[in-house]
């Protein structure tokens, strides 16, 4: 899993995420930055910058039914999960050094991420 602040916007996400070539991106339908509301309408540039994406899953946060028409390969996470029946999870023990997630921060520059092993 990788994570990056929503303030990176469309220009910063491809620079950071593109290094890892993600297949699925889970994203909020928008967010508030101060008094500014940023919606998915600005995300088409980000989508074009990540041709490796096979699916974008949108989590509703700002509005109940976000307008997804400008994006391709997109679904609401709630729609995907609606037919899901939870079952027991088979956990696998991994070595301590296994990489669990990468967090990109504003101080890491465009070609590095902070790697966080299992701890």
N, C-alpha and C. Protein backbone atom coordinates (compact mmCIF):
# COMPACT_ATOMS: atom_id res chain seq x y z
N UNK A 1 0.84 -1.16 0.00
CA UNK A 1 0.00 0.00 0.00
C UNK A 1 0.89 1.23 0.00
N UNK A 2 0.48 2.24 -0.73
CA UNK A 2 1.20 3.50 -0.70
C UNK A 2 0.22 4.62 -0.42
N UNK A 3 0.72 5.68 0.17
CA UNK A 3 -0.14 6.78 0.56
C UNK A 3 0.54 8.09 0.27
N UNK A 4 -0.27 9.09 -0.03
CA UNK A 4 0.26 10.41 -0.31
C UNK A 4 -0.80 11.43 0.05
N UNK A 5 -0.36 12.56 0.57
CA UNK A 5 -1.28 13.62 0.98
C UNK A 5 -2.12 14.08 -0.20
N UNK A 6 -3.40 14.39 0.03
CA UNK A 6 -4.22 14.89 -1.07
C UNK A 6 -3.75 16.23 -1.60
N UNK A 7 -2.93 16.94 -0.85
CA UNK A 7 -2.44 18.24 -1.31
C UNK A 7 -1.48 18.12 -2.48
N UNK A 8 -0.99 16.90 -2.79
CA UNK A 8 -0.12 16.75 -3.93
C UNK A 8 -0.85 17.07 -5.23
N UNK A 9 -2.13 16.87 -5.21
CA UNK A 9 -2.99 17.12 -6.37
C UNK A 9 -2.56 16.27 -7.56
N UNK A 10 -3.08 16.63 -8.70
CA UNK A 10 -2.89 15.81 -9.91
C UNK A 10 -1.45 15.78 -10.39
N UNK A 11 -0.69 16.83 -10.18
CA UNK A 11 0.68 16.86 -10.69
C UNK A 11 1.62 15.98 -9.88
N UNK A 12 1.46 15.96 -8.56
CA UNK A 12 2.38 15.23 -7.71
C UNK A 12 2.12 13.74 -7.63
N UNK A 13 0.88 13.32 -7.76
CA UNK A 13 0.58 11.90 -7.64
C UNK A 13 1.26 11.07 -8.73
N UNK A 14 1.17 11.44 -10.01
CA UNK A 14 1.86 10.63 -11.01
C UNK A 14 3.37 10.55 -10.79
N UNK A 15 3.98 11.64 -10.32
CA UNK A 15 5.42 11.62 -10.06
C UNK A 15 5.77 10.58 -9.01
N UNK A 16 4.98 10.55 -7.95
CA UNK A 16 5.27 9.64 -6.84
C UNK A 16 4.72 8.24 -7.10
N UNK A 17 3.45 8.14 -7.42
CA UNK A 17 2.84 6.83 -7.63
C UNK A 17 3.36 6.14 -8.88
N UNK A 18 3.71 6.90 -9.90
CA UNK A 18 4.17 6.31 -11.15
C UNK A 18 5.42 5.47 -10.98
N UNK A 19 6.22 5.76 -9.96
CA UNK A 19 7.43 4.98 -9.69
C UNK A 19 7.09 3.54 -9.35
N UNK A 20 5.91 3.33 -8.77
CA UNK A 20 5.52 2.01 -8.28
C UNK A 20 4.52 1.31 -9.18
N UNK A 21 4.01 2.01 -10.18
CA UNK A 21 3.06 1.48 -11.15
C UNK A 21 1.88 0.76 -10.49
N UNK A 22 1.09 1.49 -9.70
CA UNK A 22 -0.05 0.85 -9.02
C UNK A 22 -1.12 0.41 -10.01
N UNK A 23 -1.82 -0.65 -9.68
CA UNK A 23 -2.92 -1.16 -10.50
C UNK A 23 -4.25 -0.59 -10.04
N UNK A 24 -4.39 -0.37 -8.72
CA UNK A 24 -5.63 0.12 -8.14
C UNK A 24 -5.33 1.34 -7.29
N UNK A 25 -6.17 2.36 -7.41
CA UNK A 25 -6.03 3.57 -6.60
C UNK A 25 -7.33 3.78 -5.85
N UNK A 26 -7.25 3.90 -4.53
CA UNK A 26 -8.43 4.18 -3.71
C UNK A 26 -8.33 5.65 -3.31
N UNK A 27 -9.38 6.39 -3.61
CA UNK A 27 -9.34 7.83 -3.49
C UNK A 27 -10.66 8.37 -2.93
N UNK A 28 -10.57 9.42 -2.14
CA UNK A 28 -11.79 10.09 -1.67
C UNK A 28 -12.40 10.87 -2.83
N UNK A 29 -13.70 11.11 -2.77
CA UNK A 29 -14.39 11.85 -3.82
C UNK A 29 -14.05 13.33 -3.81
N UNK A 30 -13.37 13.78 -2.81
CA UNK A 30 -12.94 15.17 -2.70
C UNK A 30 -12.44 15.41 -1.30
N UNK A 31 -12.04 16.61 -1.04
CA UNK A 31 -11.57 16.95 0.30
C UNK A 31 -11.64 18.46 0.46
N UNK A 32 -11.46 18.89 1.68
CA UNK A 32 -11.44 20.32 1.98
C UNK A 32 -10.04 20.71 2.37
N UNK A 33 -9.56 21.79 1.79
CA UNK A 33 -8.24 22.33 2.12
C UNK A 33 -8.47 23.77 2.55
N UNK A 34 -8.47 23.99 3.86
CA UNK A 34 -8.87 25.29 4.36
C UNK A 34 -10.35 25.49 4.02
N UNK A 35 -10.65 26.56 3.33
CA UNK A 35 -12.03 26.79 2.90
C UNK A 35 -12.27 26.30 1.48
N UNK A 36 -11.25 25.79 0.85
CA UNK A 36 -11.36 25.34 -0.54
C UNK A 36 -11.86 23.90 -0.58
N UNK A 37 -12.80 23.64 -1.48
CA UNK A 37 -13.29 22.28 -1.73
C UNK A 37 -12.65 21.80 -3.02
N UNK A 38 -11.97 20.68 -2.97
CA UNK A 38 -11.33 20.10 -4.15
C UNK A 38 -12.09 18.83 -4.49
N UNK A 39 -12.60 18.75 -5.71
CA UNK A 39 -13.42 17.60 -6.10
C UNK A 39 -12.69 16.71 -7.09
N UNK A 40 -13.31 15.59 -7.43
CA UNK A 40 -12.74 14.66 -8.41
C UNK A 40 -12.64 15.25 -9.81
N UNK A 41 -13.32 16.32 -10.05
CA UNK A 41 -13.29 16.92 -11.39
C UNK A 41 -11.86 17.27 -11.80
N UNK A 42 -11.00 17.54 -10.84
CA UNK A 42 -9.61 17.90 -11.14
C UNK A 42 -8.71 16.68 -11.30
N UNK A 43 -9.26 15.49 -11.15
CA UNK A 43 -8.44 14.28 -11.12
C UNK A 43 -8.20 13.63 -12.48
N UNK A 44 -8.79 14.14 -13.55
CA UNK A 44 -8.57 13.53 -14.86
C UNK A 44 -7.11 13.62 -15.27
N UNK A 45 -6.43 14.69 -14.90
CA UNK A 45 -5.00 14.84 -15.22
C UNK A 45 -4.19 13.77 -14.49
N UNK A 46 -4.54 13.50 -13.25
CA UNK A 46 -3.86 12.46 -12.49
C UNK A 46 -4.07 11.10 -13.14
N UNK A 47 -5.28 10.84 -13.58
CA UNK A 47 -5.57 9.55 -14.21
C UNK A 47 -4.76 9.37 -15.49
N UNK A 48 -4.67 10.41 -16.29
CA UNK A 48 -3.87 10.33 -17.52
C UNK A 48 -2.39 10.13 -17.22
N UNK A 49 -1.93 10.65 -16.08
CA UNK A 49 -0.53 10.52 -15.70
C UNK A 49 -0.16 9.16 -15.15
N UNK A 50 -1.15 8.30 -14.93
CA UNK A 50 -0.90 6.95 -14.41
C UNK A 50 -1.54 5.91 -15.32
N UNK A 51 -0.97 5.66 -16.49
CA UNK A 51 -1.57 4.70 -17.42
C UNK A 51 -1.57 3.27 -16.88
N UNK A 52 -0.80 2.99 -15.84
CA UNK A 52 -0.75 1.66 -15.25
C UNK A 52 -2.02 1.31 -14.47
N UNK A 53 -2.84 2.32 -14.13
CA UNK A 53 -4.04 2.07 -13.34
C UNK A 53 -5.05 1.23 -14.10
N UNK A 54 -5.53 0.19 -13.44
CA UNK A 54 -6.59 -0.62 -14.00
C UNK A 54 -7.95 -0.24 -13.41
N UNK A 55 -7.94 0.31 -12.18
CA UNK A 55 -9.19 0.64 -11.51
C UNK A 55 -8.95 1.75 -10.51
N UNK A 56 -9.91 2.69 -10.45
CA UNK A 56 -9.93 3.71 -9.42
C UNK A 56 -11.18 3.47 -8.59
N UNK A 57 -10.99 3.28 -7.30
CA UNK A 57 -12.12 3.09 -6.38
C UNK A 57 -12.29 4.37 -5.59
N UNK A 58 -13.50 4.90 -5.61
CA UNK A 58 -13.78 6.18 -4.97
C UNK A 58 -14.57 5.95 -3.69
N UNK A 59 -14.06 6.53 -2.59
CA UNK A 59 -14.74 6.50 -1.30
C UNK A 59 -15.51 7.80 -1.16
N UNK A 60 -16.80 7.70 -0.87
CA UNK A 60 -17.59 8.92 -0.72
C UNK A 60 -17.24 9.59 0.61
N UNK A 61 -16.94 10.87 0.52
CA UNK A 61 -16.56 11.65 1.70
C UNK A 61 -17.26 13.01 1.69
N UNK A 62 -17.26 13.67 0.53
CA UNK A 62 -17.82 15.01 0.41
C UNK A 62 -19.29 14.97 0.03
N UNK A 63 -19.63 14.14 -0.94
CA UNK A 63 -21.02 14.03 -1.40
C UNK A 63 -21.42 12.55 -1.46
N UNK A 64 -22.72 12.28 -1.36
CA UNK A 64 -23.20 10.90 -1.35
C UNK A 64 -23.05 10.22 -2.71
N UNK A 65 -23.27 10.96 -3.79
CA UNK A 65 -23.16 10.41 -5.14
C UNK A 65 -22.26 11.32 -5.97
N UNK A 66 -20.95 11.14 -5.92
CA UNK A 66 -20.05 12.01 -6.69
C UNK A 66 -20.20 11.79 -8.19
N UNK A 67 -19.91 12.83 -8.95
CA UNK A 67 -19.97 12.76 -10.41
C UNK A 67 -18.67 12.13 -10.91
N UNK A 68 -18.76 10.92 -11.43
CA UNK A 68 -17.59 10.18 -11.88
C UNK A 68 -17.45 10.15 -13.40
N UNK A 69 -18.28 10.91 -14.10
CA UNK A 69 -18.32 10.82 -15.57
C UNK A 69 -17.00 11.20 -16.23
N UNK A 70 -16.20 12.06 -15.62
CA UNK A 70 -14.95 12.52 -16.25
C UNK A 70 -13.84 11.48 -16.14
N UNK A 71 -14.00 10.50 -15.27
CA UNK A 71 -12.96 9.50 -15.05
C UNK A 71 -13.32 8.20 -15.75
N UNK A 72 -12.30 7.42 -16.07
CA UNK A 72 -12.48 6.12 -16.69
C UNK A 72 -12.05 5.05 -15.69
N UNK A 73 -12.47 3.83 -15.90
CA UNK A 73 -12.07 2.72 -15.03
C UNK A 73 -12.33 3.04 -13.56
N UNK A 74 -13.47 3.64 -13.27
CA UNK A 74 -13.77 4.10 -11.91
C UNK A 74 -15.05 3.46 -11.38
N UNK A 75 -15.06 3.17 -10.08
CA UNK A 75 -16.25 2.65 -9.39
C UNK A 75 -16.27 3.21 -7.99
N UNK A 76 -17.46 3.28 -7.43
CA UNK A 76 -17.58 3.64 -6.02
C UNK A 76 -17.21 2.40 -5.19
N UNK A 77 -16.41 2.59 -4.17
CA UNK A 77 -16.01 1.48 -3.31
C UNK A 77 -17.25 0.83 -2.69
N UNK A 78 -18.24 1.62 -2.31
CA UNK A 78 -19.47 1.08 -1.72
C UNK A 78 -20.18 0.14 -2.68
N UNK A 79 -20.16 0.44 -3.98
CA UNK A 79 -20.80 -0.44 -4.96
C UNK A 79 -20.06 -1.77 -5.07
N UNK A 80 -18.74 -1.71 -5.04
CA UNK A 80 -17.92 -2.93 -5.11
C UNK A 80 -18.15 -3.80 -3.88
N UNK A 81 -18.26 -3.16 -2.72
CA UNK A 81 -18.39 -3.89 -1.45
C UNK A 81 -19.82 -4.34 -1.16
N UNK A 82 -20.80 -3.83 -1.88
CA UNK A 82 -22.21 -4.14 -1.60
C UNK A 82 -22.51 -5.63 -1.64
N UNK A 83 -21.92 -6.35 -2.57
CA UNK A 83 -22.18 -7.78 -2.71
C UNK A 83 -21.16 -8.65 -2.00
N UNK A 84 -20.28 -8.04 -1.23
CA UNK A 84 -19.20 -8.76 -0.57
C UNK A 84 -19.69 -9.38 0.74
N UNK A 85 -19.45 -10.65 0.89
CA UNK A 85 -19.75 -11.34 2.14
C UNK A 85 -18.42 -11.59 2.85
N UNK A 86 -18.30 -11.06 4.04
CA UNK A 86 -17.07 -11.23 4.81
C UNK A 86 -16.89 -12.69 5.20
N UNK A 87 -15.69 -13.17 5.09
CA UNK A 87 -15.34 -14.53 5.50
C UNK A 87 -14.10 -14.45 6.38
N UNK A 88 -13.72 -15.56 6.91
CA UNK A 88 -12.51 -15.60 7.74
C UNK A 88 -11.30 -15.23 6.90
N UNK A 89 -10.38 -14.56 7.52
CA UNK A 89 -9.15 -14.15 6.83
C UNK A 89 -8.03 -15.11 7.21
N UNK A 90 -7.34 -15.61 6.21
CA UNK A 90 -6.17 -16.45 6.45
C UNK A 90 -4.95 -15.55 6.52
N UNK A 91 -4.42 -15.37 7.72
CA UNK A 91 -3.25 -14.52 7.90
C UNK A 91 -1.98 -15.32 7.64
N UNK A 92 -1.01 -14.65 7.04
CA UNK A 92 0.27 -15.27 6.74
C UNK A 92 1.34 -14.53 7.53
N UNK A 93 2.16 -15.27 8.24
CA UNK A 93 3.25 -14.63 8.98
C UNK A 93 4.36 -14.30 8.00
N UNK A 94 4.80 -13.05 8.03
CA UNK A 94 5.84 -12.56 7.12
C UNK A 94 7.07 -12.17 7.92
N UNK A 95 8.22 -12.10 7.26
CA UNK A 95 9.43 -11.64 7.96
C UNK A 95 9.27 -10.20 8.45
N UNK A 96 9.98 -9.86 9.50
CA UNK A 96 9.91 -8.54 10.11
C UNK A 96 10.17 -7.43 9.10
N UNK A 97 11.05 -7.65 8.15
CA UNK A 97 11.45 -6.60 7.20
C UNK A 97 10.51 -6.45 6.02
N UNK A 98 9.41 -7.17 5.98
CA UNK A 98 8.46 -7.08 4.87
C UNK A 98 7.89 -5.67 4.76
N UNK A 99 7.92 -5.11 3.58
CA UNK A 99 7.41 -3.77 3.34
C UNK A 99 5.89 -3.78 3.37
N UNK A 100 5.31 -2.99 4.27
CA UNK A 100 3.86 -2.93 4.38
C UNK A 100 3.27 -1.77 3.61
N UNK A 101 3.90 -0.61 3.69
CA UNK A 101 3.37 0.53 2.98
C UNK A 101 4.47 1.56 2.74
N UNK A 102 4.20 2.45 1.80
CA UNK A 102 5.10 3.55 1.49
C UNK A 102 4.31 4.83 1.64
N UNK A 103 4.85 5.78 2.40
CA UNK A 103 4.20 7.07 2.61
C UNK A 103 5.06 8.14 1.95
N UNK A 104 4.46 8.89 1.04
CA UNK A 104 5.17 9.99 0.42
C UNK A 104 4.86 11.25 1.19
N UNK A 105 5.88 11.95 1.61
CA UNK A 105 5.67 13.22 2.31
C UNK A 105 6.27 14.34 1.48
N UNK A 106 5.91 15.56 1.80
CA UNK A 106 6.39 16.70 1.01
C UNK A 106 7.90 16.84 1.08
N UNK A 107 8.54 16.26 2.08
CA UNK A 107 9.99 16.38 2.21
C UNK A 107 10.78 15.30 1.51
N UNK A 108 10.10 14.32 0.90
CA UNK A 108 10.84 13.21 0.32
C UNK A 108 11.22 13.44 -1.14
N UNK A 109 10.77 14.53 -1.73
CA UNK A 109 11.12 14.78 -3.13
C UNK A 109 10.36 13.88 -4.06
N UNK A 110 10.59 14.03 -5.35
CA UNK A 110 9.74 13.30 -6.28
C UNK A 110 10.20 11.90 -6.58
N UNK A 111 11.37 11.50 -6.15
CA UNK A 111 11.83 10.15 -6.45
C UNK A 111 12.11 9.31 -5.22
N UNK A 112 11.53 9.67 -4.09
CA UNK A 112 11.75 8.85 -2.91
C UNK A 112 10.51 8.80 -2.06
N UNK A 113 10.39 7.74 -1.31
CA UNK A 113 9.28 7.57 -0.37
C UNK A 113 9.82 6.99 0.92
N UNK A 114 9.12 7.21 2.00
CA UNK A 114 9.52 6.65 3.28
C UNK A 114 8.95 5.24 3.36
N UNK A 115 9.82 4.26 3.42
CA UNK A 115 9.37 2.88 3.47
C UNK A 115 9.20 2.47 4.93
N UNK A 116 8.09 1.82 5.22
CA UNK A 116 7.81 1.41 6.58
C UNK A 116 7.66 -0.10 6.64
N UNK A 117 8.67 -0.80 7.18
CA UNK A 117 8.55 -2.26 7.29
C UNK A 117 7.59 -2.65 8.40
N UNK A 118 7.23 -3.92 8.40
CA UNK A 118 6.35 -4.44 9.46
C UNK A 118 7.02 -4.25 10.81
N UNK A 119 6.29 -3.71 11.76
CA UNK A 119 6.86 -3.50 13.10
C UNK A 119 5.83 -3.78 14.15
